[in-house]
Amino acid sequence: MLKRWFSSTAESASPPPEQSGEGVVRLGTRALIALHHQAGSLSLATSKIRSQQSGGYVSRFKGRGMEFDEVRPYQQGDDVRSLDWRVTARTGKPHTKLYREERERAVLLSVDLRDTMFFATRGAYKSVRAVQAATLLGWSAVDGGDRVGALLFDDRNHQEHRPRGGKPPLLHLLKSLGEETRWQRAGASDNRVEESLLSAVQRLRRVASPGSLIFILSDFAGLNRTSASQITELGRHSEVVLGFCHDPLEAELPPAGHYRVSDGEQSRVIDTSSSSQREAYHARFESQLGELERLAHLPGIHLLPLSTADDPLAVLQRRFGVKR
């Protein structure tokens, strides 16, 4: 299993996350099923999502989607925006499209399990936090009568779970997330990072129906202009929540000194004494965060920061409210 941690060479080495009392590096199916009772404190049926962006604005969910029903001749009082121009042109008489509200909204959980997600210096791996959050959201959606689907992706593969209602499909998803092979890393080339994220977002666009509620739980490594534009398009017809998984060390280097970093197989010592290096390191994180914040100011898109040191349930409770 891929292991990454920092330990100071000037002090006693810190244990890797999986050996500390707090650290978690993988989750089994039983642990995911056990989160059901905690999900009872969440409600995706709420009409509001509280944003932590500047200004503290409140954005309403689009709610359940609208499904096409039929076309009928135009009647006085019909919204002209609902005219079916193809039928109108073919028949020579105005016709209106009729829609009916979908009884069940589709909740899509996109979970990033790429190699970059298997990192933590405190709390739990980013991948663990993403899976915990996805599980809580899945249970909350099922309890609210919504259909739950998922797109699980790593550096090379994608696995789709089409939106379906009820507990059995969710249990099937949790079983897939808890498989031991899901948490074993083969190692991937850094040049696949942009490609894998773009491919995942493109797949989401193909499977998401209008009115869906989409959660992308990722560290967004490899986010570029193309993948950002795909996310923008998703937000035009669905509600998109960007669950930004990150470790505190990714935002800022530790105090000046020499530190040993390892992936469990190889190790090297890094020197953090250079102030310019520390500033450049922090600037890269701020640039990525700034791009996500820019996206979150577009219609239909929201940002949900999730640190490896955070409790996913507490983070979700703050944003989706608690059932009283």
Protein backbone atom coordinates (compact mmCIF):
# COMPACT_ATOMS: atom_id res chain seq x y z
CA MET A 1 0.00 0.00 0.00
CA LEU A 2 1.24 3.45 -0.85
CA LYS A 3 2.31 5.34 2.28
CA ARG A 4 3.33 8.97 2.45
CA TRP A 5 4.31 10.95 5.51
CA PHE A 6 6.72 13.58 6.74
CA SER A 7 9.12 13.15 9.65
CA SER A 8 11.74 15.59 10.88
CA THR A 9 15.33 14.44 10.85
CA ALA A 10 16.08 16.81 13.71
CA GLU A 11 13.56 15.16 16.01
CA SER A 12 12.25 11.67 16.58
CA ALA A 13 10.47 10.37 13.49
CA SER A 14 6.70 10.53 13.49
CA PRO A 15 4.87 7.28 12.69
CA PRO A 16 3.15 6.92 9.34
CA PRO A 17 -0.58 7.72 9.44
CA GLU A 18 -1.73 4.09 9.55
CA GLN A 19 0.35 3.46 12.69
CA SER A 20 -0.91 6.44 14.67
CA GLY A 21 -4.03 6.35 16.79
CA GLU A 22 -5.76 8.94 14.67
CA GLY A 23 -4.68 8.01 11.15
CA VAL A 24 -6.86 6.03 8.76
CA VAL A 25 -5.59 4.83 5.38
CA ARG A 26 -8.42 2.62 4.18
CA LEU A 27 -12.07 1.81 4.87
CA GLY A 28 -13.93 -1.48 4.74
CA THR A 29 -17.55 -2.05 3.77
CA ARG A 30 -18.65 -2.53 7.39
CA ALA A 31 -17.22 0.84 8.38
CA LEU A 32 -19.10 2.51 5.54
CA ILE A 33 -22.40 0.83 6.41
CA ALA A 34 -21.92 1.94 10.03
CA LEU A 35 -22.04 5.58 8.90
CA HIS A 36 -25.77 5.24 8.21
CA HIS A 37 -26.83 6.39 11.66
CA GLN A 38 -24.60 9.48 11.43
CA ALA A 39 -26.10 10.45 8.09
CA GLY A 40 -29.44 10.91 9.85
CA SER A 41 -28.23 14.35 10.96
CA LEU A 42 -27.93 15.48 7.32
CA SER A 43 -30.63 16.59 4.92
CA LEU A 44 -30.05 16.99 1.19
CA ALA A 45 -33.70 17.93 0.82
CA THR A 46 -32.96 21.41 2.15
CA SER A 47 -33.50 24.17 -0.39
CA LYS A 48 -30.38 26.06 0.62
CA ILE A 49 -26.68 25.42 0.74
CA ARG A 50 -24.74 27.77 2.96
CA SER A 51 -21.60 28.96 1.25
CA GLN A 52 -18.31 29.83 2.92
CA GLN A 53 -17.29 32.04 0.01
CA SER A 54 -16.70 35.77 0.40
CA GLY A 55 -19.93 37.62 0.99
CA GLY A 56 -21.61 34.61 2.56
CA TYR A 57 -24.15 34.42 -0.23
CA VAL A 58 -26.89 31.82 -0.20
CA SER A 59 -27.64 29.82 -3.34
CA ARG A 60 -30.73 27.68 -3.81
CA PHE A 61 -30.54 24.17 -5.18
CA LYS A 62 -32.21 23.70 -8.52
CA GLY A 63 -34.13 20.89 -6.88
CA ARG A 64 -35.49 17.87 -8.68
CA GLY A 65 -35.18 17.74 -12.41
CA MET A 66 -37.86 18.13 -15.05
CA GLU A 67 -38.63 15.25 -17.39
CA PHE A 68 -40.12 15.73 -20.87
CA ASP A 69 -43.73 14.54 -21.07
CA GLU A 70 -45.38 15.52 -24.38
CA VAL A 71 -45.95 18.19 -27.03
CA ARG A 72 -49.37 19.79 -27.53
CA PRO A 73 -50.73 22.72 -29.54
CA TYR A 74 -49.94 26.13 -28.09
CA GLN A 75 -52.58 27.56 -25.76
CA GLN A 76 -52.99 31.16 -24.67
CA GLY A 77 -50.90 31.81 -21.59
CA ASP A 78 -48.20 29.24 -22.40
CA ASP A 79 -44.63 30.36 -21.84
CA VAL A 80 -43.13 31.13 -25.25
CA ARG A 81 -39.81 29.78 -23.97
CA SER A 82 -41.41 26.31 -23.94
CA LEU A 83 -42.29 26.36 -27.64
CA ASP A 84 -41.10 23.35 -29.61
CA TRP A 85 -39.71 25.09 -32.66
CA ARG A 86 -39.10 21.90 -34.62
CA VAL A 87 -42.71 20.73 -34.35
CA THR A 88 -43.90 24.28 -34.94
CA ALA A 89 -41.86 24.52 -38.15
CA ARG A 90 -42.99 21.10 -39.35
CA THR A 91 -46.72 21.63 -38.74
CA GLY A 92 -46.93 25.35 -39.34
CA LYS A 93 -48.74 25.75 -36.02
CA PRO A 94 -47.18 26.63 -32.63
CA HIS A 95 -46.69 23.74 -30.24
CA THR A 96 -45.58 23.73 -26.59
CA LYS A 97 -43.37 21.25 -24.75
CA LEU A 98 -44.82 19.93 -21.50
CA TYR A 99 -42.67 18.68 -18.65
CA ARG A 100 -43.38 16.87 -15.42
CA GLU A 101 -41.31 16.97 -12.27
CA GLU A 102 -39.18 13.94 -11.63
CA ARG A 103 -40.32 12.15 -8.50
CA GLU A 104 -36.77 11.26 -7.55
CA ARG A 105 -33.75 13.48 -7.95
CA ALA A 106 -30.48 11.91 -9.04
CA VAL A 107 -27.59 12.41 -6.62
CA LEU A 108 -24.25 11.63 -8.26
CA LEU A 109 -21.12 11.01 -6.19
CA SER A 110 -17.86 11.39 -8.09
CA VAL A 111 -15.06 10.00 -5.91
CA ASP A 112 -11.40 10.58 -6.77
CA LEU A 113 -9.20 7.57 -5.92
CA ARG A 114 -6.10 8.59 -7.87
CA ASP A 115 -2.65 8.22 -6.34
CA THR A 116 -2.56 11.89 -5.34
CA MET A 117 -5.48 11.20 -2.98
CA PHE A 118 -3.45 8.71 -0.92
CA PHE A 119 -1.66 11.31 1.14
CA ALA A 120 -1.97 12.72 4.65
CA THR A 121 0.17 14.16 7.41
CA ARG A 122 -2.65 14.22 9.92
CA GLY A 123 -6.14 12.80 10.30
CA ALA A 124 -6.70 10.43 7.41
CA TYR A 125 -5.82 10.09 3.76
CA LYS A 126 -7.61 12.45 1.37
CA SER A 127 -9.12 9.35 -0.26
CA VAL A 128 -10.53 8.22 3.09
CA ARG A 129 -12.15 11.60 3.74
CA ALA A 130 -13.63 11.59 0.23
CA VAL A 131 -15.12 8.10 0.68
CA GLN A 132 -16.46 8.96 4.15
CA ALA A 133 -18.14 12.10 2.80
CA ALA A 134 -19.55 10.24 -0.21
CA THR A 135 -20.97 7.53 2.05
CA LEU A 136 -22.66 10.04 4.36
CA LEU A 137 -24.14 11.86 1.38
CA GLY A 138 -25.28 8.57 -0.15
CA TRP A 139 -27.12 7.48 2.99
CA SER A 140 -28.71 10.93 3.34
CA ALA A 141 -29.89 10.84 -0.27
CA VAL A 142 -31.42 7.37 0.10
CA ASP A 143 -33.18 8.40 3.32
CA GLY A 144 -34.57 11.41 1.43
CA GLY A 145 -35.97 9.27 -1.37
CA ASP A 146 -33.42 10.28 -4.01
CA ARG A 147 -31.67 8.02 -6.50
CA VAL A 148 -27.95 7.59 -5.86
CA GLY A 149 -25.31 7.02 -8.52
CA ALA A 150 -21.54 7.26 -8.53
CA LEU A 151 -18.48 7.60 -10.68
CA LEU A 152 -15.36 6.16 -9.08
CA PHE A 153 -12.13 6.99 -10.84
CA ASP A 154 -8.42 6.53 -10.41
CA ASP A 155 -5.44 7.27 -12.64
CA ARG A 156 -6.41 4.67 -15.23
CA ASN A 157 -9.95 3.41 -14.73
CA HIS A 158 -13.53 4.56 -14.17
CA GLN A 159 -16.42 2.68 -12.64
CA GLU A 160 -19.97 3.93 -13.11
CA HIS A 161 -22.94 3.21 -10.87
CA ARG A 162 -26.12 4.43 -12.54
CA PRO A 163 -28.55 6.36 -10.28
CA ARG A 164 -31.00 3.98 -8.64
CA GLY A 165 -33.30 4.27 -5.66
CA GLY A 166 -33.33 2.27 -2.46
CA LYS A 167 -30.71 0.78 -0.17
CA PRO A 168 -29.55 -2.25 -2.23
CA PRO A 169 -27.86 -0.16 -4.96
CA LEU A 170 -26.13 1.98 -2.32
CA LEU A 171 -24.93 -1.13 -0.47
CA HIS A 172 -23.52 -2.39 -3.77
CA LEU A 173 -21.66 0.91 -4.16
CA LEU A 174 -20.30 0.74 -0.61
CA LYS A 175 -19.13 -2.81 -1.19
CA SER A 176 -17.22 -1.60 -4.24
CA LEU A 177 -15.66 1.26 -2.26
CA GLY A 178 -14.64 -1.10 0.52
CA GLU A 179 -12.90 -3.65 -1.69
CA GLU A 180 -9.28 -4.17 -0.67
CA THR A 181 -8.04 -3.79 -4.24
CA ARG A 182 -9.57 -0.32 -4.32
CA TRP A 183 -7.02 0.79 -1.71
CA GLN A 184 -3.96 -0.77 -3.27
CA ARG A 185 -1.81 1.57 -5.30
CA ALA A 186 0.13 0.60 -8.40
CA GLY A 187 1.77 3.97 -8.89
CA ALA A 188 0.98 6.33 -11.76
CA SER A 189 2.82 8.77 -13.93
CA ASP A 190 2.33 12.43 -13.07
CA ASN A 191 1.46 13.22 -16.68
CA ARG A 192 -1.83 11.31 -16.30
CA VAL A 193 -3.15 13.64 -13.62
CA GLU A 194 -4.73 16.19 -15.97
CA GLU A 195 -5.99 13.50 -18.33
CA SER A 196 -7.67 11.44 -15.60
CA LEU A 197 -9.52 14.40 -14.06
CA LEU A 198 -10.72 15.64 -17.44
CA SER A 199 -11.94 12.19 -18.40
CA ALA A 200 -13.89 11.87 -15.13
CA VAL A 201 -15.62 15.24 -15.57
CA GLN A 202 -16.46 14.47 -19.19
CA ARG A 203 -18.07 11.20 -18.12
CA LEU A 204 -20.11 13.08 -15.54
CA ARG A 205 -21.46 15.35 -18.26
CA ARG A 206 -22.60 12.32 -20.25
CA VAL A 207 -24.39 10.54 -17.40
CA ALA A 208 -25.82 13.48 -15.41
CA SER A 209 -29.44 14.32 -16.19
CA PRO A 210 -30.69 17.93 -15.80
CA GLY A 211 -31.55 18.76 -12.21
CA SER A 212 -29.05 16.31 -10.72
CA LEU A 213 -27.17 17.08 -7.52
CA ILE A 214 -23.50 16.26 -8.18
CA PHE A 215 -20.70 15.99 -5.63
CA ILE A 216 -17.13 15.86 -6.96
CA LEU A 217 -14.92 14.74 -4.06
CA SER A 218 -11.34 15.26 -5.19
CA ASP A 219 -8.09 17.10 -4.60
CA PHE A 220 -8.52 18.44 -8.16
CA ALA A 221 -4.90 17.70 -8.99
CA GLY A 222 -4.45 18.43 -12.68
CA LEU A 223 -7.30 20.92 -12.88
CA ASN A 224 -6.77 22.96 -16.05
CA ARG A 225 -8.76 25.28 -18.29
CA THR A 226 -10.40 22.42 -20.18
CA SER A 227 -11.58 20.48 -17.14
CA ALA A 228 -12.72 23.73 -15.49
CA SER A 229 -14.86 24.52 -18.54
CA GLN A 230 -16.42 21.04 -18.32
CA ILE A 231 -17.34 21.70 -14.68
CA THR A 232 -18.83 25.04 -15.72
CA GLU A 233 -21.03 23.26 -18.25
CA LEU A 234 -22.16 20.79 -15.57
CA GLY A 235 -23.32 23.70 -13.43
CA ARG A 236 -25.58 25.03 -16.20
CA HIS A 237 -28.07 22.19 -15.84
CA SER A 238 -27.24 20.60 -12.48
CA GLU A 239 -26.13 21.58 -9.01
CA VAL A 240 -22.43 20.86 -8.52
CA VAL A 241 -20.60 20.75 -5.18
CA LEU A 242 -16.81 20.71 -5.39
CA GLY A 243 -15.57 18.80 -2.34
CA PHE A 244 -11.95 20.00 -2.22
CA CYS A 245 -9.94 17.37 -0.31
CA HIS A 246 -6.56 18.62 0.87
CA ASP A 247 -3.94 18.14 3.56
CA PRO A 248 -2.68 21.09 5.66
CA LEU A 249 0.86 20.38 4.47
CA GLU A 250 -0.23 20.98 0.87
CA ALA A 251 -1.12 24.55 1.76
CA GLU A 252 2.08 25.44 3.55
CA LEU A 253 5.45 23.81 4.16
CA PRO A 254 6.47 23.01 7.76
CA PRO A 255 8.85 25.34 9.64
CA ALA A 256 12.35 25.75 8.24
CA GLY A 257 14.35 22.56 8.59
CA HIS A 258 15.16 19.23 6.99
CA TYR A 259 12.37 16.68 6.59
CA ARG A 260 12.26 13.16 5.27
CA VAL A 261 9.40 12.28 2.93
CA SER A 262 8.58 8.75 1.80
CA ASP A 263 6.05 6.89 -0.34
CA GLY A 264 6.74 3.69 1.58
CA GLU A 265 9.30 2.48 -0.92
CA GLN A 266 11.67 5.37 -1.48
CA SER A 267 12.52 8.38 0.66
CA ARG A 268 14.30 11.68 0.32
CA VAL A 269 15.15 14.67 2.50
CA ILE A 270 13.78 18.10 1.65
CA ASP A 271 15.07 21.43 2.89
CA THR A 272 12.39 24.02 3.75
CA SER A 273 14.73 26.76 4.95
CA SER A 274 14.40 28.85 1.76
CA SER A 275 11.78 31.58 2.24
CA SER A 276 11.33 31.99 -1.53
CA GLN A 277 10.72 28.27 -1.90
CA ARG A 278 8.15 28.36 0.90
CA GLU A 279 6.38 31.33 -0.69
CA ALA A 280 6.30 29.67 -4.11
CA TYR A 281 4.96 26.47 -2.56
CA HIS A 282 2.14 28.36 -0.82
CA ALA A 283 1.40 30.34 -3.98
CA ARG A 284 0.77 27.14 -5.95
CA PHE A 285 -1.84 26.03 -3.45
CA GLU A 286 -3.47 29.46 -3.42
CA SER A 287 -3.61 29.40 -7.22
CA GLN A 288 -5.47 26.10 -7.21
CA LEU A 289 -7.81 27.24 -4.45
CA GLY A 290 -8.42 30.50 -6.30
CA GLU A 291 -9.48 28.63 -9.44
CA LEU A 292 -11.95 26.54 -7.43
CA GLU A 293 -13.31 29.68 -5.77
CA ARG A 294 -13.72 31.27 -9.19
CA LEU A 295 -15.76 28.27 -10.32
CA ALA A 296 -17.83 28.44 -7.12
CA HIS A 297 -18.98 31.95 -8.03
CA LEU A 298 -20.57 30.65 -11.22
CA PRO A 299 -24.25 29.61 -11.27
CA GLY A 300 -24.92 26.13 -9.94
CA ILE A 301 -21.45 25.51 -8.49
CA HIS A 302 -20.42 25.49 -4.82
CA LEU A 303 -17.15 24.88 -2.97
CA LEU A 304 -16.86 22.57 0.03
CA PRO A 305 -13.32 22.48 1.51
CA LEU A 306 -12.52 19.23 3.31
CA SER A 307 -9.19 18.86 5.09
CA THR A 308 -7.67 15.53 6.07
CA ALA A 309 -7.77 16.87 9.64
CA ASP A 310 -11.53 17.54 9.43
CA ASP A 311 -14.42 15.36 10.53
CA PRO A 312 -16.45 14.92 7.30
CA LEU A 313 -19.72 14.70 9.22
CA ALA A 314 -19.10 18.04 10.96
CA VAL A 315 -18.20 19.68 7.64
CA LEU A 316 -21.36 18.38 5.96
CA GLN A 317 -23.54 19.36 8.91
CA ARG A 318 -22.37 22.95 8.67
CA ARG A 319 -23.28 23.13 5.01
CA PHE A 320 -26.43 21.03 4.76
CA GLY A 321 -28.05 21.68 8.09
CA VAL A 322 -29.19 19.30 10.77
CA LYS A 323 -32.60 17.73 11.04
CA ARG A 324 -34.34 19.03 14.13
